[in-house]
Amino acid sequence: MRIPRLAALASAVLVLAGCSVQLRTAPAAVQVCDEALGSGRLVASAQSGLALADGSGRITPILWPFGYTARRDASGIALIGHKGEVLAKEGDFVEAAGGTGADGFFAVCDGTVRVVPPFG
């Protein structure tokens, strides 16, 4: 009887482990933020968890605001704001204010992510 119970527990752990996505975020909230416009399709990224892809397929890694998270569900990865709200989902076209740092990551300003119609 113990083996089926252990197998069920192991399966549950694997499912739950697959639900979270490691999102690269700022180490603390910022008071001042650049106002350049970043836009593109929200895509999975090994570098930042979620990134933006432009019309040519070029990927821009993102430094998300402090407190943002991401989770995987049946429809893909959802970007979650610091208040727990779903801001966008993988595949959405989004715009956000921010600026590119020396590391090449586009640092998104808190409160500026919005889903927009596809470009092109």
N, C-alpha and C. Protein backbone atom coordinates (compact mmCIF):
# COMPACT_ATOMS: atom_id res chain seq x y z
N MET A 1 0.81 -1.20 0.00
CA MET A 1 0.00 0.00 0.00
C MET A 1 0.85 1.26 0.00
N ARG A 2 2.05 1.20 0.52
CA ARG A 2 2.88 2.40 0.60
C ARG A 2 3.37 2.85 -0.76
N ILE A 3 3.67 1.94 -1.66
CA ILE A 3 4.22 2.30 -2.97
C ILE A 3 3.24 3.14 -3.78
N PRO A 4 1.95 2.78 -3.90
CA PRO A 4 1.03 3.66 -4.64
C PRO A 4 0.91 5.05 -4.02
N ARG A 5 0.91 5.10 -2.71
CA ARG A 5 0.80 6.39 -2.02
C ARG A 5 2.04 7.25 -2.31
N LEU A 6 3.23 6.64 -2.27
CA LEU A 6 4.46 7.36 -2.57
C LEU A 6 4.50 7.79 -4.03
N ALA A 7 4.03 6.95 -4.93
CA ALA A 7 4.00 7.30 -6.35
C ALA A 7 3.07 8.49 -6.58
N ALA A 8 1.92 8.50 -5.92
CA ALA A 8 0.98 9.61 -6.06
C ALA A 8 1.58 10.91 -5.51
N LEU A 9 2.27 10.81 -4.40
CA LEU A 9 2.92 11.98 -3.81
C LEU A 9 4.02 12.51 -4.73
N ALA A 10 4.82 11.61 -5.28
CA ALA A 10 5.88 12.02 -6.21
C ALA A 10 5.30 12.69 -7.45
N SER A 11 4.19 12.17 -7.96
CA SER A 11 3.55 12.78 -9.13
C SER A 11 3.05 14.18 -8.80
N ALA A 12 2.45 14.35 -7.63
CA ALA A 12 1.96 15.67 -7.23
C ALA A 12 3.09 16.67 -7.11
N VAL A 13 4.22 16.25 -6.56
CA VAL A 13 5.38 17.13 -6.43
C VAL A 13 5.88 17.55 -7.81
N LEU A 14 5.95 16.62 -8.74
CA LEU A 14 6.41 16.96 -10.09
C LEU A 14 5.46 17.93 -10.78
N VAL A 15 4.16 17.74 -10.62
CA VAL A 15 3.19 18.65 -11.22
C VAL A 15 3.33 20.04 -10.63
N LEU A 16 3.42 20.15 -9.32
CA LEU A 16 3.55 21.46 -8.68
C LEU A 16 4.86 22.13 -9.04
N ALA A 17 5.93 21.38 -9.16
CA ALA A 17 7.23 21.95 -9.53
C ALA A 17 7.17 22.54 -10.93
N GLY A 18 6.36 21.95 -11.80
CA GLY A 18 6.24 22.45 -13.16
C GLY A 18 5.39 23.70 -13.27
N CYS A 19 4.67 24.08 -12.22
CA CYS A 19 3.76 25.22 -12.28
C CYS A 19 4.47 26.56 -12.12
N SER A 20 5.55 26.61 -11.37
CA SER A 20 6.23 27.88 -11.16
C SER A 20 7.26 28.12 -12.25
N VAL A 21 7.46 29.36 -12.57
CA VAL A 21 8.43 29.78 -13.59
C VAL A 21 9.38 30.75 -12.92
N GLN A 22 10.68 30.54 -13.08
CA GLN A 22 11.67 31.44 -12.50
C GLN A 22 11.72 32.72 -13.32
N LEU A 23 11.26 33.81 -12.76
CA LEU A 23 11.21 35.10 -13.43
C LEU A 23 12.34 35.98 -12.89
N ARG A 24 13.11 36.60 -13.77
CA ARG A 24 14.17 37.51 -13.32
C ARG A 24 13.52 38.84 -12.95
N THR A 25 13.69 39.25 -11.70
CA THR A 25 13.08 40.49 -11.22
C THR A 25 14.12 41.39 -10.56
N ALA A 26 13.76 42.66 -10.45
CA ALA A 26 14.60 43.63 -9.76
C ALA A 26 14.70 43.21 -8.29
N PRO A 27 15.85 43.45 -7.64
CA PRO A 27 16.01 43.04 -6.25
C PRO A 27 15.20 43.87 -5.25
N ALA A 28 14.73 45.05 -5.67
CA ALA A 28 13.93 45.92 -4.80
C ALA A 28 13.09 46.83 -5.67
N ALA A 29 12.05 47.41 -5.08
CA ALA A 29 11.21 48.36 -5.80
C ALA A 29 12.04 49.61 -6.14
N VAL A 30 11.77 50.20 -7.29
CA VAL A 30 12.49 51.41 -7.70
C VAL A 30 11.53 52.60 -7.71
N GLN A 31 12.07 53.77 -7.43
CA GLN A 31 11.26 54.98 -7.40
C GLN A 31 11.28 55.72 -8.73
N VAL A 32 12.36 55.57 -9.49
CA VAL A 32 12.53 56.26 -10.77
C VAL A 32 12.73 55.20 -11.85
N CYS A 33 12.12 55.44 -13.02
CA CYS A 33 12.20 54.45 -14.08
C CYS A 33 12.30 55.14 -15.43
N ASP A 34 13.07 54.56 -16.36
CA ASP A 34 13.15 55.09 -17.72
C ASP A 34 11.79 54.96 -18.39
N GLU A 35 11.59 55.74 -19.45
CA GLU A 35 10.28 55.75 -20.11
C GLU A 35 10.34 55.34 -21.57
N ALA A 36 11.35 54.58 -21.96
CA ALA A 36 11.38 54.05 -23.33
C ALA A 36 10.28 53.01 -23.46
N LEU A 37 9.80 52.80 -24.68
CA LEU A 37 8.73 51.84 -24.91
C LEU A 37 9.32 50.52 -25.40
N GLY A 38 9.01 49.45 -24.71
CA GLY A 38 9.36 48.11 -25.15
C GLY A 38 8.09 47.40 -25.56
N SER A 39 8.15 46.63 -26.63
CA SER A 39 6.94 45.92 -27.06
C SER A 39 7.31 44.64 -27.79
N GLY A 40 6.38 43.72 -27.84
CA GLY A 40 6.57 42.47 -28.56
C GLY A 40 5.67 41.39 -28.00
N ARG A 41 5.85 40.20 -28.56
CA ARG A 41 5.08 39.03 -28.12
C ARG A 41 5.77 38.47 -26.88
N LEU A 42 5.00 38.17 -25.86
CA LEU A 42 5.51 37.59 -24.62
C LEU A 42 5.86 36.12 -24.87
N VAL A 43 7.13 35.78 -24.67
CA VAL A 43 7.61 34.42 -24.94
C VAL A 43 8.41 33.90 -23.75
N ALA A 44 8.47 32.57 -23.61
CA ALA A 44 9.28 31.95 -22.58
C ALA A 44 10.75 32.23 -22.86
N SER A 45 11.53 32.40 -21.79
CA SER A 45 12.95 32.72 -21.94
C SER A 45 13.75 32.05 -20.84
N ALA A 46 14.84 31.41 -21.22
CA ALA A 46 15.74 30.81 -20.23
C ALA A 46 16.45 31.89 -19.43
N GLN A 47 16.66 33.07 -20.02
CA GLN A 47 17.39 34.15 -19.34
C GLN A 47 16.54 34.91 -18.34
N SER A 48 15.27 35.19 -18.68
CA SER A 48 14.47 36.04 -17.81
C SER A 48 13.11 35.46 -17.44
N GLY A 49 12.85 34.23 -17.82
CA GLY A 49 11.55 33.61 -17.53
C GLY A 49 10.54 33.93 -18.60
N LEU A 50 10.32 35.21 -18.83
CA LEU A 50 9.50 35.72 -19.93
C LEU A 50 10.25 36.86 -20.58
N ALA A 51 10.19 36.93 -21.90
CA ALA A 51 10.89 37.96 -22.66
C ALA A 51 9.96 38.49 -23.74
N LEU A 52 10.44 39.46 -24.51
CA LEU A 52 9.66 40.02 -25.63
C LEU A 52 10.33 39.65 -26.94
N ALA A 53 9.54 39.16 -27.89
CA ALA A 53 10.04 38.85 -29.23
C ALA A 53 9.46 39.89 -30.19
N ASP A 54 10.33 40.51 -31.00
CA ASP A 54 9.84 41.48 -31.97
C ASP A 54 9.35 40.77 -33.23
N GLY A 55 8.91 41.53 -34.23
CA GLY A 55 8.36 40.96 -35.45
C GLY A 55 9.32 40.09 -36.23
N SER A 56 10.62 40.31 -36.06
CA SER A 56 11.63 39.50 -36.77
C SER A 56 12.06 38.28 -35.95
N GLY A 57 11.52 38.16 -34.74
CA GLY A 57 11.88 37.03 -33.89
C GLY A 57 13.01 37.30 -32.92
N ARG A 58 13.58 38.52 -32.96
CA ARG A 58 14.65 38.87 -32.02
C ARG A 58 14.08 38.94 -30.60
N ILE A 59 14.76 38.30 -29.67
CA ILE A 59 14.29 38.21 -28.28
C ILE A 59 15.01 39.24 -27.42
N THR A 60 14.24 40.00 -26.65
CA THR A 60 14.78 40.93 -25.67
C THR A 60 14.50 40.38 -24.28
N PRO A 61 15.55 40.03 -23.53
CA PRO A 61 15.32 39.55 -22.16
C PRO A 61 14.85 40.71 -21.28
N ILE A 62 14.05 40.39 -20.28
CA ILE A 62 13.41 41.40 -19.44
C ILE A 62 13.84 41.27 -17.99
N LEU A 63 14.06 42.41 -17.35
CA LEU A 63 14.18 42.47 -15.90
C LEU A 63 12.83 42.99 -15.42
N TRP A 64 12.04 42.10 -14.84
CA TRP A 64 10.68 42.44 -14.41
C TRP A 64 10.73 43.20 -13.09
N PRO A 65 9.70 44.00 -12.79
CA PRO A 65 9.68 44.74 -11.52
C PRO A 65 9.68 43.81 -10.31
N PHE A 66 10.20 44.34 -9.22
CA PHE A 66 10.21 43.64 -7.93
C PHE A 66 8.79 43.20 -7.59
N GLY A 67 8.65 41.95 -7.16
CA GLY A 67 7.34 41.43 -6.74
C GLY A 67 6.56 40.73 -7.83
N TYR A 68 6.98 40.85 -9.10
CA TYR A 68 6.30 40.15 -10.19
C TYR A 68 6.69 38.68 -10.14
N THR A 69 5.77 37.81 -10.56
CA THR A 69 6.02 36.39 -10.64
C THR A 69 5.42 35.86 -11.94
N ALA A 70 5.61 34.59 -12.18
CA ALA A 70 5.01 33.94 -13.33
C ALA A 70 4.62 32.53 -12.93
N ARG A 71 3.58 32.03 -13.55
CA ARG A 71 3.17 30.65 -13.29
C ARG A 71 2.71 30.00 -14.60
N ARG A 72 2.94 28.73 -14.67
CA ARG A 72 2.55 27.94 -15.84
C ARG A 72 1.21 27.29 -15.55
N ASP A 73 0.29 27.39 -16.53
CA ASP A 73 -0.97 26.67 -16.43
C ASP A 73 -1.26 26.01 -17.77
N ALA A 74 -2.45 25.54 -17.97
CA ALA A 74 -2.78 24.79 -19.18
C ALA A 74 -2.63 25.63 -20.45
N SER A 75 -2.78 26.95 -20.35
CA SER A 75 -2.69 27.80 -21.54
C SER A 75 -1.30 28.41 -21.74
N GLY A 76 -0.34 28.08 -20.90
CA GLY A 76 1.02 28.62 -21.03
C GLY A 76 1.46 29.31 -19.77
N ILE A 77 2.31 30.32 -19.92
CA ILE A 77 2.86 31.04 -18.77
C ILE A 77 2.10 32.36 -18.60
N ALA A 78 1.70 32.65 -17.39
CA ALA A 78 1.03 33.91 -17.07
C ALA A 78 1.98 34.81 -16.29
N LEU A 79 2.03 36.09 -16.65
CA LEU A 79 2.80 37.10 -15.92
C LEU A 79 1.89 37.66 -14.83
N ILE A 80 2.36 37.62 -13.59
CA ILE A 80 1.57 38.03 -12.44
C ILE A 80 2.19 39.28 -11.80
N GLY A 81 1.37 40.32 -11.63
CA GLY A 81 1.83 41.55 -10.98
C GLY A 81 2.00 41.35 -9.48
N HIS A 82 2.59 42.34 -8.82
CA HIS A 82 2.88 42.20 -7.39
C HIS A 82 1.63 42.15 -6.53
N LYS A 83 0.46 42.51 -7.08
CA LYS A 83 -0.79 42.41 -6.32
C LYS A 83 -1.51 41.08 -6.60
N GLY A 84 -0.88 40.20 -7.40
CA GLY A 84 -1.46 38.90 -7.69
C GLY A 84 -2.32 38.85 -8.94
N GLU A 85 -2.42 39.96 -9.66
CA GLU A 85 -3.26 40.02 -10.86
C GLU A 85 -2.52 39.49 -12.09
N VAL A 86 -3.24 38.83 -12.99
CA VAL A 86 -2.65 38.38 -14.25
C VAL A 86 -2.55 39.58 -15.17
N LEU A 87 -1.32 39.91 -15.57
CA LEU A 87 -1.09 41.07 -16.43
C LEU A 87 -1.11 40.69 -17.90
N ALA A 88 -0.58 39.52 -18.22
CA ALA A 88 -0.51 39.06 -19.61
C ALA A 88 -0.21 37.58 -19.60
N LYS A 89 -0.42 36.96 -20.77
CA LYS A 89 -0.12 35.54 -20.91
C LYS A 89 0.82 35.33 -22.08
N GLU A 90 1.58 34.25 -21.99
CA GLU A 90 2.50 33.89 -23.07
C GLU A 90 1.75 33.92 -24.40
N GLY A 91 2.35 34.60 -25.39
CA GLY A 91 1.73 34.74 -26.70
C GLY A 91 1.04 36.07 -26.90
N ASP A 92 0.71 36.77 -25.79
CA ASP A 92 0.11 38.11 -25.91
C ASP A 92 1.12 39.10 -26.45
N PHE A 93 0.66 40.10 -27.16
CA PHE A 93 1.49 41.23 -27.52
C PHE A 93 1.36 42.25 -26.41
N VAL A 94 2.50 42.72 -25.90
CA VAL A 94 2.48 43.65 -24.78
C VAL A 94 3.37 44.86 -25.06
N GLU A 95 3.07 45.93 -24.36
CA GLU A 95 3.91 47.13 -24.32
C GLU A 95 4.21 47.41 -22.86
N ALA A 96 5.39 47.99 -22.63
CA ALA A 96 5.76 48.38 -21.28
C ALA A 96 6.80 49.48 -21.35
N ALA A 97 6.78 50.38 -20.38
CA ALA A 97 7.80 51.42 -20.28
C ALA A 97 8.99 50.86 -19.51
N GLY A 98 10.17 51.38 -19.84
CA GLY A 98 11.38 50.94 -19.14
C GLY A 98 12.61 51.39 -19.89
N GLY A 99 13.69 50.70 -19.71
CA GLY A 99 14.94 51.04 -20.38
C GLY A 99 15.91 49.88 -20.36
N THR A 100 16.81 49.88 -21.32
CA THR A 100 17.80 48.80 -21.44
C THR A 100 19.05 49.13 -20.64
N GLY A 101 19.46 48.19 -19.81
CA GLY A 101 20.67 48.36 -19.00
C GLY A 101 21.90 47.88 -19.74
N ALA A 102 23.05 48.03 -19.12
CA ALA A 102 24.33 47.62 -19.71
C ALA A 102 24.37 46.11 -19.95
N ASP A 103 23.56 45.35 -19.21
CA ASP A 103 23.53 43.89 -19.38
C ASP A 103 22.66 43.44 -20.55
N GLY A 104 22.00 44.40 -21.23
CA GLY A 104 21.15 44.07 -22.37
C GLY A 104 19.72 43.71 -22.01
N PHE A 105 19.41 43.67 -20.72
CA PHE A 105 18.05 43.39 -20.28
C PHE A 105 17.23 44.69 -20.30
N PHE A 106 15.99 44.59 -20.75
CA PHE A 106 15.08 45.72 -20.71
C PHE A 106 14.40 45.70 -19.35
N ALA A 107 14.64 46.73 -18.53
CA ALA A 107 14.06 46.81 -17.18
C ALA A 107 12.69 47.46 -17.29
N VAL A 108 11.65 46.70 -17.01
CA VAL A 108 10.27 47.17 -17.11
C VAL A 108 9.88 47.95 -15.87
N CYS A 109 9.18 49.06 -16.06
CA CYS A 109 8.67 49.87 -14.96
C CYS A 109 7.39 49.24 -14.41
N ASP A 110 7.25 49.23 -13.10
CA ASP A 110 6.07 48.70 -12.45
C ASP A 110 4.82 49.44 -12.92
N GLY A 111 3.76 48.72 -13.19
CA GLY A 111 2.48 49.32 -13.54
C GLY A 111 2.34 49.72 -15.00
N THR A 112 3.30 49.37 -15.86
CA THR A 112 3.23 49.82 -17.24
C THR A 112 2.94 48.71 -18.26
N VAL A 113 2.88 47.46 -17.82
CA VAL A 113 2.65 46.36 -18.75
C VAL A 113 1.18 46.37 -19.18
N ARG A 114 0.95 46.37 -20.51
CA ARG A 114 -0.42 46.26 -21.00
C ARG A 114 -0.45 45.43 -22.27
N VAL A 115 -1.51 44.67 -22.41
CA VAL A 115 -1.72 43.86 -23.61
C VAL A 115 -2.26 44.77 -24.70
N VAL A 116 -1.70 44.65 -25.92
CA VAL A 116 -2.08 45.49 -27.07
C VAL A 116 -2.36 44.59 -28.27
N PRO A 117 -3.00 45.14 -29.31
CA PRO A 117 -3.19 44.35 -30.54
C PRO A 117 -1.84 44.02 -31.18
N PRO A 118 -1.76 42.88 -31.87
CA PRO A 118 -0.49 42.48 -32.53
C PRO A 118 0.00 43.55 -33.51
N PHE A 119 1.33 43.66 -33.62
CA PHE A 119 1.89 44.60 -34.59
C PHE A 119 1.92 43.93 -35.96
N GLY A 120 2.11 44.72 -36.98
CA GLY A 120 2.25 44.15 -38.32
C GLY A 120 1.12 44.42 -39.13
